[in-house]
Amino acid sequence: MRFLPLIFIAFLISCGNSDHGNSHDTEIPDRTGNFVHTVYLNIHDTLPQNDIDFMILEMKKIQDIPKVLNFTCGEFEDVMDDRAMDRYELVMQMEFDNIDDYKIYQEHPIHLNLRKVAAGYLSERPAVHDFIIH
């Protein structure tokens, strides 16, 4: 019991040490992309699966844009979470080294073509969420 205060003091000292391996304040060296762009797509309810598959193939072409990093896309998976944004059946996410690279992507012919193709399949404008990686 008499060692309990010593353990508590040791814990406090270790928490105050800024050199304990915590990298919250430093750049993660292996991470590429500082800007993340996520696009949520609400497609027509009556769209057959072969059209959904076609949309996914068109979305995957985005990864051929030189400035796009870590591209991924997919269909909504219902895991019975009442917070889920289930109205968006398709989503794609990508990273960029910076916002200037994102602007290049916005004007790239592959992206502009996807916007044209997707227009016939979407029931509303896409929703987007952008953030900077910390």
N, C-alpha and C. Protein backbone atom coordinates (compact mmCIF):
# COMPACT_ATOMS: atom_id res chain seq x y z
N MET A 1 0.82 -1.19 0.00
CA MET A 1 0.00 0.00 0.00
C MET A 1 0.86 1.26 0.00
N ARG A 2 2.02 1.18 0.70
CA ARG A 2 2.87 2.37 0.76
C ARG A 2 3.53 2.67 -0.59
N PHE A 3 3.54 1.70 -1.53
CA PHE A 3 4.13 1.92 -2.85
C PHE A 3 3.15 2.57 -3.82
N LEU A 4 1.86 2.58 -3.47
CA LEU A 4 0.84 3.14 -4.35
C LEU A 4 1.11 4.61 -4.70
N PRO A 5 1.45 5.47 -3.72
CA PRO A 5 1.77 6.86 -4.10
C PRO A 5 2.98 6.95 -5.04
N LEU A 6 3.97 6.08 -4.85
CA LEU A 6 5.14 6.10 -5.72
C LEU A 6 4.77 5.69 -7.14
N ILE A 7 3.90 4.71 -7.27
CA ILE A 7 3.45 4.28 -8.60
C ILE A 7 2.69 5.41 -9.27
N PHE A 8 1.83 6.09 -8.50
CA PHE A 8 1.06 7.21 -9.06
C PHE A 8 1.99 8.34 -9.51
N ILE A 9 2.99 8.66 -8.72
CA ILE A 9 3.95 9.72 -9.09
C ILE A 9 4.73 9.32 -10.34
N ALA A 10 5.14 8.06 -10.41
CA ALA A 10 5.86 7.58 -11.60
C ALA A 10 4.97 7.69 -12.84
N PHE A 11 3.70 7.38 -12.68
CA PHE A 11 2.75 7.50 -13.80
C PHE A 11 2.65 8.94 -14.27
N LEU A 12 2.50 9.88 -13.32
CA LEU A 12 2.40 11.30 -13.68
C LEU A 12 3.66 11.79 -14.39
N ILE A 13 4.81 11.37 -13.91
CA ILE A 13 6.07 11.78 -14.54
C ILE A 13 6.14 11.25 -15.97
N SER A 14 5.74 10.01 -16.16
CA SER A 14 5.82 9.43 -17.51
C SER A 14 4.84 10.10 -18.46
N CYS A 15 3.69 10.54 -17.96
CA CYS A 15 2.72 11.24 -18.81
C CYS A 15 3.23 12.60 -19.23
N GLY A 16 4.05 13.22 -18.39
CA GLY A 16 4.57 14.53 -18.71
C GLY A 16 5.77 14.50 -19.62
N ASN A 17 6.35 13.36 -19.85
CA ASN A 17 7.53 13.22 -20.69
C ASN A 17 7.14 13.35 -22.15
N SER A 18 7.67 14.34 -22.84
CA SER A 18 7.30 14.55 -24.24
C SER A 18 8.03 13.60 -25.17
N ASP A 19 8.95 12.82 -24.67
CA ASP A 19 9.71 11.91 -25.53
C ASP A 19 9.38 10.46 -25.21
N HIS A 20 8.09 10.13 -25.20
CA HIS A 20 7.70 8.76 -24.87
C HIS A 20 7.15 8.01 -26.07
N GLY A 21 7.56 8.40 -27.26
CA GLY A 21 7.18 7.66 -28.46
C GLY A 21 5.86 8.06 -29.07
N ASN A 22 5.18 9.01 -28.50
CA ASN A 22 3.90 9.45 -29.05
C ASN A 22 4.17 10.40 -30.20
N SER A 23 3.64 10.10 -31.38
CA SER A 23 3.95 10.89 -32.57
C SER A 23 2.80 11.80 -32.97
N HIS A 24 1.94 12.19 -32.02
CA HIS A 24 0.80 13.05 -32.36
C HIS A 24 1.24 14.40 -32.90
N ASP A 25 2.39 14.89 -32.46
CA ASP A 25 2.83 16.21 -32.87
C ASP A 25 3.84 16.16 -34.01
N THR A 26 4.12 14.98 -34.55
CA THR A 26 5.10 14.87 -35.62
C THR A 26 4.45 14.30 -36.86
N GLU A 27 5.06 14.56 -37.98
CA GLU A 27 4.59 14.05 -39.27
C GLU A 27 4.78 12.54 -39.31
N ILE A 28 3.82 11.82 -39.83
CA ILE A 28 3.94 10.37 -39.99
C ILE A 28 4.75 10.14 -41.27
N PRO A 29 5.95 9.59 -41.18
CA PRO A 29 6.85 9.57 -42.33
C PRO A 29 6.38 8.72 -43.51
N ASP A 30 5.66 7.65 -43.30
CA ASP A 30 5.27 6.77 -44.39
C ASP A 30 3.93 7.15 -45.00
N ARG A 31 3.29 8.16 -44.52
CA ARG A 31 1.95 8.52 -44.98
C ARG A 31 2.05 9.42 -46.21
N THR A 32 1.31 9.06 -47.27
CA THR A 32 1.23 9.94 -48.43
C THR A 32 -0.13 10.60 -48.42
N GLY A 33 -0.20 11.77 -48.97
CA GLY A 33 -1.48 12.47 -49.05
C GLY A 33 -1.78 13.23 -47.79
N ASN A 34 -2.01 14.51 -47.94
CA ASN A 34 -2.36 15.34 -46.79
C ASN A 34 -3.80 15.81 -46.85
N PHE A 35 -4.42 15.69 -48.01
CA PHE A 35 -5.78 16.17 -48.22
C PHE A 35 -6.64 14.99 -48.68
N VAL A 36 -7.75 14.75 -48.01
CA VAL A 36 -8.63 13.62 -48.33
C VAL A 36 -9.95 14.15 -48.87
N HIS A 37 -10.38 13.56 -49.97
CA HIS A 37 -11.63 13.93 -50.65
C HIS A 37 -12.51 12.69 -50.70
N THR A 38 -13.69 12.77 -50.08
CA THR A 38 -14.64 11.66 -50.07
C THR A 38 -15.90 12.11 -50.79
N VAL A 39 -16.41 11.24 -51.67
CA VAL A 39 -17.60 11.56 -52.46
C VAL A 39 -18.66 10.49 -52.19
N TYR A 40 -19.85 10.92 -51.79
CA TYR A 40 -20.97 10.03 -51.52
C TYR A 40 -21.99 10.17 -52.64
N LEU A 41 -22.40 9.03 -53.21
CA LEU A 41 -23.29 9.03 -54.36
C LEU A 41 -24.60 8.32 -54.04
N ASN A 42 -25.70 9.01 -54.28
CA ASN A 42 -27.03 8.43 -54.11
C ASN A 42 -27.55 8.11 -55.50
N ILE A 43 -27.65 6.83 -55.81
CA ILE A 43 -28.08 6.41 -57.14
C ILE A 43 -29.58 6.13 -57.15
N HIS A 44 -30.15 6.09 -58.35
CA HIS A 44 -31.58 5.79 -58.49
C HIS A 44 -31.89 4.44 -57.85
N ASP A 45 -33.00 4.37 -57.12
CA ASP A 45 -33.39 3.14 -56.41
C ASP A 45 -33.63 1.96 -57.35
N THR A 46 -34.03 2.24 -58.57
CA THR A 46 -34.37 1.16 -59.51
C THR A 46 -33.20 0.74 -60.39
N LEU A 47 -32.01 1.25 -60.10
CA LEU A 47 -30.84 0.94 -60.92
C LEU A 47 -30.47 -0.54 -60.77
N PRO A 48 -30.40 -1.28 -61.88
CA PRO A 48 -30.03 -2.70 -61.79
C PRO A 48 -28.55 -2.86 -61.42
N GLN A 49 -28.21 -4.02 -60.89
CA GLN A 49 -26.85 -4.27 -60.41
C GLN A 49 -25.81 -4.11 -61.52
N ASN A 50 -26.15 -4.47 -62.76
CA ASN A 50 -25.15 -4.32 -63.83
C ASN A 50 -24.82 -2.84 -64.07
N ASP A 51 -25.77 -1.94 -63.87
CA ASP A 51 -25.49 -0.51 -63.98
C ASP A 51 -24.64 -0.02 -62.80
N ILE A 52 -24.89 -0.58 -61.63
CA ILE A 52 -24.07 -0.24 -60.46
C ILE A 52 -22.64 -0.71 -60.69
N ASP A 53 -22.49 -1.92 -61.21
CA ASP A 53 -21.16 -2.44 -61.51
C ASP A 53 -20.44 -1.56 -62.53
N PHE A 54 -21.18 -1.09 -63.53
CA PHE A 54 -20.61 -0.19 -64.54
C PHE A 54 -20.14 1.10 -63.88
N MET A 55 -20.95 1.65 -62.99
CA MET A 55 -20.57 2.88 -62.29
C MET A 55 -19.28 2.68 -61.50
N ILE A 56 -19.16 1.54 -60.83
CA ILE A 56 -17.95 1.27 -60.05
C ILE A 56 -16.74 1.19 -60.97
N LEU A 57 -16.88 0.56 -62.13
CA LEU A 57 -15.78 0.51 -63.09
C LEU A 57 -15.38 1.91 -63.54
N GLU A 58 -16.37 2.76 -63.78
CA GLU A 58 -16.09 4.14 -64.17
C GLU A 58 -15.40 4.90 -63.04
N MET A 59 -15.85 4.67 -61.81
CA MET A 59 -15.24 5.33 -60.65
C MET A 59 -13.78 4.93 -60.50
N LYS A 60 -13.48 3.66 -60.75
CA LYS A 60 -12.10 3.16 -60.59
C LYS A 60 -11.13 3.81 -61.56
N LYS A 61 -11.62 4.38 -62.64
CA LYS A 61 -10.75 5.07 -63.59
C LYS A 61 -10.10 6.30 -62.96
N ILE A 62 -10.70 6.81 -61.89
CA ILE A 62 -10.16 7.98 -61.19
C ILE A 62 -8.73 7.72 -60.72
N GLN A 63 -8.43 6.46 -60.36
CA GLN A 63 -7.09 6.16 -59.86
C GLN A 63 -6.01 6.32 -60.93
N ASP A 64 -6.41 6.47 -62.19
CA ASP A 64 -5.46 6.69 -63.28
C ASP A 64 -5.05 8.16 -63.40
N ILE A 65 -5.68 9.03 -62.65
CA ILE A 65 -5.29 10.44 -62.65
C ILE A 65 -4.00 10.56 -61.84
N PRO A 66 -2.94 11.11 -62.43
CA PRO A 66 -1.62 11.09 -61.77
C PRO A 66 -1.57 11.66 -60.36
N LYS A 67 -2.32 12.67 -60.03
CA LYS A 67 -2.24 13.30 -58.70
C LYS A 67 -3.07 12.59 -57.63
N VAL A 68 -3.88 11.60 -58.02
CA VAL A 68 -4.74 10.89 -57.08
C VAL A 68 -3.93 9.82 -56.36
N LEU A 69 -4.02 9.80 -55.03
CA LEU A 69 -3.32 8.81 -54.20
C LEU A 69 -4.34 8.01 -53.40
N ASN A 70 -4.02 6.76 -53.13
CA ASN A 70 -4.80 5.91 -52.22
C ASN A 70 -6.29 5.90 -52.54
N PHE A 71 -6.62 5.74 -53.81
CA PHE A 71 -8.02 5.71 -54.24
C PHE A 71 -8.69 4.42 -53.78
N THR A 72 -9.93 4.55 -53.34
CA THR A 72 -10.76 3.40 -53.02
C THR A 72 -12.21 3.76 -53.28
N CYS A 73 -13.01 2.75 -53.61
CA CYS A 73 -14.44 2.99 -53.81
C CYS A 73 -15.20 1.72 -53.47
N GLY A 74 -16.50 1.85 -53.27
CA GLY A 74 -17.29 0.68 -52.95
C GLY A 74 -18.75 1.00 -52.74
N GLU A 75 -19.49 -0.06 -52.42
CA GLU A 75 -20.93 0.04 -52.16
C GLU A 75 -21.18 0.07 -50.66
N PHE A 76 -22.27 0.70 -50.29
CA PHE A 76 -22.67 0.77 -48.88
C PHE A 76 -22.89 -0.65 -48.34
N GLU A 77 -22.43 -0.87 -47.13
CA GLU A 77 -22.64 -2.15 -46.45
C GLU A 77 -23.45 -1.87 -45.18
N ASP A 78 -24.62 -2.45 -45.10
CA ASP A 78 -25.51 -2.22 -43.95
C ASP A 78 -25.09 -3.10 -42.79
N VAL A 79 -24.59 -2.48 -41.73
CA VAL A 79 -24.20 -3.20 -40.52
C VAL A 79 -25.13 -2.87 -39.36
N MET A 80 -26.33 -2.39 -39.71
CA MET A 80 -27.40 -2.11 -38.75
C MET A 80 -27.02 -1.01 -37.76
N ASP A 81 -26.30 -0.02 -38.22
CA ASP A 81 -25.94 1.13 -37.40
C ASP A 81 -26.90 2.26 -37.77
N ASP A 82 -27.71 2.71 -36.82
CA ASP A 82 -28.72 3.71 -37.14
C ASP A 82 -28.12 5.08 -37.50
N ARG A 83 -26.82 5.24 -37.33
CA ARG A 83 -26.15 6.48 -37.72
C ARG A 83 -25.66 6.45 -39.16
N ALA A 84 -25.79 5.30 -39.80
CA ALA A 84 -25.24 5.12 -41.15
C ALA A 84 -25.86 6.07 -42.16
N MET A 85 -25.04 6.54 -43.08
CA MET A 85 -25.51 7.39 -44.16
C MET A 85 -25.96 6.49 -45.31
N ASP A 86 -27.01 5.72 -45.04
CA ASP A 86 -27.42 4.65 -45.95
C ASP A 86 -28.10 5.13 -47.22
N ARG A 87 -28.36 6.40 -47.33
CA ARG A 87 -28.96 6.89 -48.57
C ARG A 87 -27.94 6.95 -49.69
N TYR A 88 -26.65 6.89 -49.33
CA TYR A 88 -25.58 6.91 -50.33
C TYR A 88 -25.11 5.48 -50.59
N GLU A 89 -25.48 4.96 -51.73
CA GLU A 89 -25.16 3.57 -52.05
C GLU A 89 -23.71 3.38 -52.49
N LEU A 90 -23.11 4.40 -53.06
CA LEU A 90 -21.73 4.31 -53.53
C LEU A 90 -20.89 5.41 -52.89
N VAL A 91 -19.62 5.10 -52.69
CA VAL A 91 -18.71 6.09 -52.13
C VAL A 91 -17.33 5.90 -52.76
N MET A 92 -16.62 6.99 -52.92
CA MET A 92 -15.22 6.90 -53.33
C MET A 92 -14.42 7.88 -52.49
N GLN A 93 -13.18 7.48 -52.22
CA GLN A 93 -12.31 8.31 -51.40
C GLN A 93 -10.91 8.29 -52.00
N MET A 94 -10.25 9.43 -51.92
CA MET A 94 -8.91 9.54 -52.46
C MET A 94 -8.14 10.58 -51.66
N GLU A 95 -6.84 10.54 -51.81
CA GLU A 95 -5.98 11.50 -51.14
C GLU A 95 -5.16 12.27 -52.17
N PHE A 96 -4.71 13.44 -51.75
CA PHE A 96 -3.85 14.28 -52.57
C PHE A 96 -2.75 14.82 -51.68
N ASP A 97 -1.59 15.11 -52.27
CA ASP A 97 -0.51 15.71 -51.49
C ASP A 97 -0.88 17.10 -50.99
N ASN A 98 -1.74 17.78 -51.74
CA ASN A 98 -2.11 19.14 -51.36
C ASN A 98 -3.37 19.54 -52.11
N ILE A 99 -3.91 20.67 -51.78
CA ILE A 99 -5.15 21.14 -52.39
C ILE A 99 -4.94 21.52 -53.86
N ASP A 100 -3.74 21.96 -54.21
CA ASP A 100 -3.47 22.26 -55.63
C ASP A 100 -3.60 21.00 -56.49
N ASP A 101 -3.13 19.86 -55.98
CA ASP A 101 -3.29 18.60 -56.71
C ASP A 101 -4.76 18.22 -56.83
N TYR A 102 -5.53 18.50 -55.79
CA TYR A 102 -6.98 18.26 -55.83
C TYR A 102 -7.62 19.09 -56.94
N LYS A 103 -7.20 20.32 -57.08
CA LYS A 103 -7.75 21.19 -58.13
C LYS A 103 -7.41 20.65 -59.52
N ILE A 104 -6.23 20.07 -59.68
CA ILE A 104 -5.86 19.44 -60.95
C ILE A 104 -6.79 18.27 -61.24
N TYR A 105 -7.07 17.46 -60.22
CA TYR A 105 -8.01 16.34 -60.36
C TYR A 105 -9.38 16.83 -60.80
N GLN A 106 -9.84 17.93 -60.22
CA GLN A 106 -11.17 18.45 -60.52
C GLN A 106 -11.33 18.76 -62.01
N GLU A 107 -10.27 19.18 -62.67
CA GLU A 107 -10.33 19.56 -64.08
C GLU A 107 -9.83 18.47 -65.02
N HIS A 108 -9.40 17.33 -64.48
CA HIS A 108 -8.85 16.26 -65.32
C HIS A 108 -9.97 15.63 -66.17
N PRO A 109 -9.69 15.30 -67.44
CA PRO A 109 -10.71 14.71 -68.32
C PRO A 109 -11.35 13.43 -67.77
N ILE A 110 -10.61 12.60 -67.05
CA ILE A 110 -11.20 11.38 -66.49
C ILE A 110 -12.27 11.74 -65.46
N HIS A 111 -11.99 12.72 -64.62
CA HIS A 111 -12.96 13.15 -63.63
C HIS A 111 -14.18 13.79 -64.29
N LEU A 112 -13.92 14.64 -65.27
CA LEU A 112 -15.03 15.31 -65.97
C LEU A 112 -15.91 14.29 -66.69
N ASN A 113 -15.30 13.24 -67.25
CA ASN A 113 -16.08 12.19 -67.90
C ASN A 113 -16.93 11.42 -66.88
N LEU A 114 -16.36 11.12 -65.72
CA LEU A 114 -17.13 10.42 -64.68
C LEU A 114 -18.34 11.26 -64.27
N ARG A 115 -18.17 12.54 -64.15
CA ARG A 115 -19.30 13.40 -63.78
C ARG A 115 -20.40 13.31 -64.83
N LYS A 116 -20.01 13.27 -66.10
CA LYS A 116 -21.00 13.16 -67.18
C LYS A 116 -21.72 11.82 -67.13
N VAL A 117 -20.94 10.74 -67.01
CA VAL A 117 -21.51 9.39 -66.97
C VAL A 117 -22.42 9.23 -65.76
N ALA A 118 -21.97 9.68 -64.60
CA ALA A 118 -22.71 9.49 -63.35
C ALA A 118 -24.03 10.25 -63.33
N ALA A 119 -24.11 11.34 -64.05
CA ALA A 119 -25.32 12.17 -64.02
C ALA A 119 -26.58 11.38 -64.33
N GLY A 120 -26.50 10.40 -65.21
CA GLY A 120 -27.67 9.60 -65.56
C GLY A 120 -28.05 8.56 -64.52
N TYR A 121 -27.17 8.30 -63.58
CA TYR A 121 -27.41 7.27 -62.57
C TYR A 121 -27.75 7.83 -61.19
N LEU A 122 -27.48 9.10 -60.99
CA LEU A 122 -27.64 9.70 -59.66
C LEU A 122 -29.03 10.28 -59.46
N SER A 123 -29.54 10.12 -58.25
CA SER A 123 -30.85 10.69 -57.92
C SER A 123 -30.72 12.09 -57.33
N GLU A 124 -29.49 12.51 -57.01
CA GLU A 124 -29.23 13.86 -56.50
C GLU A 124 -27.75 14.16 -56.68
N ARG A 125 -27.40 15.40 -56.43
CA ARG A 125 -25.98 15.78 -56.51
C ARG A 125 -25.17 15.00 -55.49
N PRO A 126 -23.94 14.65 -55.82
CA PRO A 126 -23.09 13.96 -54.84
C PRO A 126 -22.84 14.85 -53.62
N ALA A 127 -22.68 14.21 -52.49
CA ALA A 127 -22.25 14.90 -51.27
C ALA A 127 -20.75 14.65 -51.13
N VAL A 128 -20.03 15.64 -50.66
CA VAL A 128 -18.59 15.47 -50.49
C VAL A 128 -18.19 15.84 -49.07
N HIS A 129 -17.08 15.26 -48.66
CA HIS A 129 -16.49 15.60 -47.36
C HIS A 129 -14.99 15.65 -47.58
N ASP A 130 -14.39 16.78 -47.29
CA ASP A 130 -12.96 16.98 -47.47
C ASP A 130 -12.33 17.29 -46.12
N PHE A 131 -11.11 16.77 -45.93
CA PHE A 131 -10.41 17.10 -44.69
C PHE A 131 -8.90 16.99 -44.88
N ILE A 132 -8.19 17.66 -44.00
CA ILE A 132 -6.74 17.62 -43.96
C ILE A 132 -6.33 16.59 -42.92
N ILE A 133 -5.38 15.74 -43.26
CA ILE A 133 -4.88 14.73 -42.33
C ILE A 133 -3.97 15.41 -41.30
N HIS A 134 -4.21 15.10 -40.04
CA HIS A 134 -3.37 15.64 -38.96
C HIS A 134 -2.54 14.53 -38.37
